C-alpha atoms as a PDB file:
ATOM      1  CA  MET A   1      -0.052   0.062   0.041  1.00  0.00           C
ATOM      2  CA  GLN A   2       1.423   3.499  -1.207  1.00  0.00           C
ATOM      3  CA  ILE A   3       0.719   6.454   1.023  1.00  0.00           C
ATOM      4  CA  ARG A   4       0.825   9.646  -0.885  1.00  0.00           C
ATOM      5  CA  VAL A   5       1.999  12.809   1.017  1.00  0.00           C
ATOM      6  CA  GLY A   6       3.314  15.826  -0.505  1.00  0.00           C
ATOM      7  CA  PRO A   7       3.309  19.263  -2.127  1.00  0.00           C
ATOM      8  CA  ASP A   8       0.155  19.730  -4.935  1.00  0.00           C
ATOM      9  CA  SER A   9       0.936  22.881  -7.342  1.00  0.00           C
ATOM     10  CA  ASN A  10      -1.845  24.218  -9.353  1.00  0.00           C
ATOM     11  CA  THR A  11      -1.531  27.691 -11.743  1.00  0.00           C
ATOM     12  CA  PHE A  12      -4.605  29.396 -12.743  1.00  0.00           C
ATOM     13  CA  ASP A  13      -4.404  32.342 -15.688  1.00  0.00           C
ATOM     14  CA  HIS A  14      -7.240  34.779 -15.397  1.00  0.00           C
ATOM     15  CA  PRO A  15      -8.642  37.098 -18.532  1.00  0.00           C
ATOM     16  CA  ASN A  16      -6.614  40.093 -19.512  1.00  0.00           C
ATOM     17  CA  GLU A  17      -7.302  43.292 -17.413  1.00  0.00           C
ATOM     18  CA  PRO A  18      -6.100  46.899 -17.834  1.00  0.00           C
ATOM     19  CA  TRP A  19      -3.666  47.942 -15.643  1.00  0.00           C
ATOM     20  CA  ASN A  20      -0.807  50.581 -15.675  1.00  0.00           C
ATOM     21  CA  CYS A  21       2.381  49.223 -16.631  1.00  0.00           C
ATOM     22  CA  GLU A  22       5.419  50.155 -14.522  1.00  0.00           C
ATOM     23  CA  THR A  23       7.856  50.112 -17.680  1.00  0.00           C
ATOM     24  CA  CYS A  24       5.491  51.241 -20.367  1.00  0.00           C
ATOM     25  CA  SER A  25       4.147  53.999 -18.132  1.00  0.00           C
ATOM     26  CA  ASP A  26       0.855  53.398 -19.935  1.00  0.00           C
ATOM     27  CA  GLN A  27      -2.376  51.405 -19.391  1.00  0.00           C
ATOM     28  CA  THR A  28      -2.255  48.210 -21.132  1.00  0.00           C
ATOM     29  CA  GLU A  29      -3.650  44.952 -21.000  1.00  0.00           C
ATOM     30  CA  HIS A  30      -2.157  42.513 -18.257  1.00  0.00           C
ATOM     31  CA  THR A  31      -2.467  38.729 -18.068  1.00  0.00           C
ATOM     32  CA  ARG A  32      -2.544  37.943 -14.011  1.00  0.00           C
ATOM     33  CA  THR A  33      -1.287  34.242 -13.068  1.00  0.00           C
ATOM     34  CA  GLU A  34      -2.286  32.740  -9.793  1.00  0.00           C
ATOM     35  CA  SER A  35      -0.112  30.042  -8.319  1.00  0.00           C
ATOM     36  CA  THR A  36      -0.610  27.982  -5.468  1.00  0.00           C
ATOM     37  CA  THR A  37       1.385  25.034  -3.639  1.00  0.00           C
ATOM     38  CA  LYS A  38      -0.869  22.889  -1.146  1.00  0.00           C
ATOM     39  CA  PHE A  39      -0.054  20.037   0.997  1.00  0.00           C
ATOM     40  CA  ALA A  40      -1.881  17.180  -0.044  1.00  0.00           C
ATOM     41  CA  LEU A  41      -2.876  14.024   2.204  1.00  0.00           C
ATOM     42  CA  PHE A  42      -3.919  10.839  -0.433  1.00  0.00           C
ATOM     43  CA  GLY A  43      -4.167  13.548  -3.326  1.00  0.00           C
ATOM     44  CA  PHE A  44      -6.727  15.752  -1.088  1.00  0.00           C
ATOM     45  CA  PRO A  45      -5.412  19.205  -0.604  1.00  0.00           C
ATOM     46  CA  ILE A  46      -5.196  19.682   3.271  1.00  0.00           C
ATOM     47  CA  PHE A  47      -3.821  23.464   3.444  1.00  0.00           C
ATOM     48  CA  THR A  48      -2.147  25.846   1.502  1.00  0.00           C
ATOM     49  CA  ILE A  49       1.912  26.468   1.561  1.00  0.00           C
ATOM     50  CA  ARG A  50       2.580  29.140  -0.550  1.00  0.00           C
ATOM     51  CA  SER A  51       0.381  31.562  -2.914  1.00  0.00           C
ATOM     52  CA  LYS A  52       1.646  33.545  -5.422  1.00  0.00           C
ATOM     53  CA  THR A  53       0.282  36.348  -8.089  1.00  0.00           C
ATOM     54  CA  THR A  54       1.940  37.831 -11.112  1.00  0.00           C
ATOM     55  CA  ARG A  55       0.917  40.196 -13.566  1.00  0.00           C
ATOM     56  CA  LYS A  56       2.574  40.454 -17.087  1.00  0.00           C
ATOM     57  CA  CYS A  57       2.515  43.244 -19.384  1.00  0.00           C
ATOM     58  CA  THR A  58       0.868  42.170 -22.976  1.00  0.00           C
ATOM     59  CA  VAL A  59       2.956  44.854 -24.613  1.00  0.00           C
ATOM     60  CA  CYS A  60       6.517  44.937 -23.272  1.00  0.00           C
ATOM     61  CA  GLY A  61       6.513  41.398 -21.250  1.00  0.00           C
ATOM     62  CA  ASN A  62       7.225  42.966 -17.830  1.00  0.00           C
ATOM     63  CA  LYS A  63       6.424  40.856 -14.813  1.00  0.00           C
ATOM     64  CA  ALA A  64       5.247  42.237 -11.538  1.00  0.00           C
ATOM     65  CA  LYS A  65       4.159  40.736  -8.301  1.00  0.00           C
ATOM     66  CA  ASP A  66       1.043  41.563  -6.578  1.00  0.00           C
END
């Protein structure tokens, strides 16, 4: 019998939304990506270990943390 215990990661891309870019100095479309890592026991997530949200400018490619 194998016991599965450890981290489980997921990434979710949100739709583009207008945002003021730090590099372009203009309001452009940004893609927001949310990444979460959860502790899983038998494949079921128990609690969140880490959560990270980043925005990426669709014009210049600059990435910024939220």
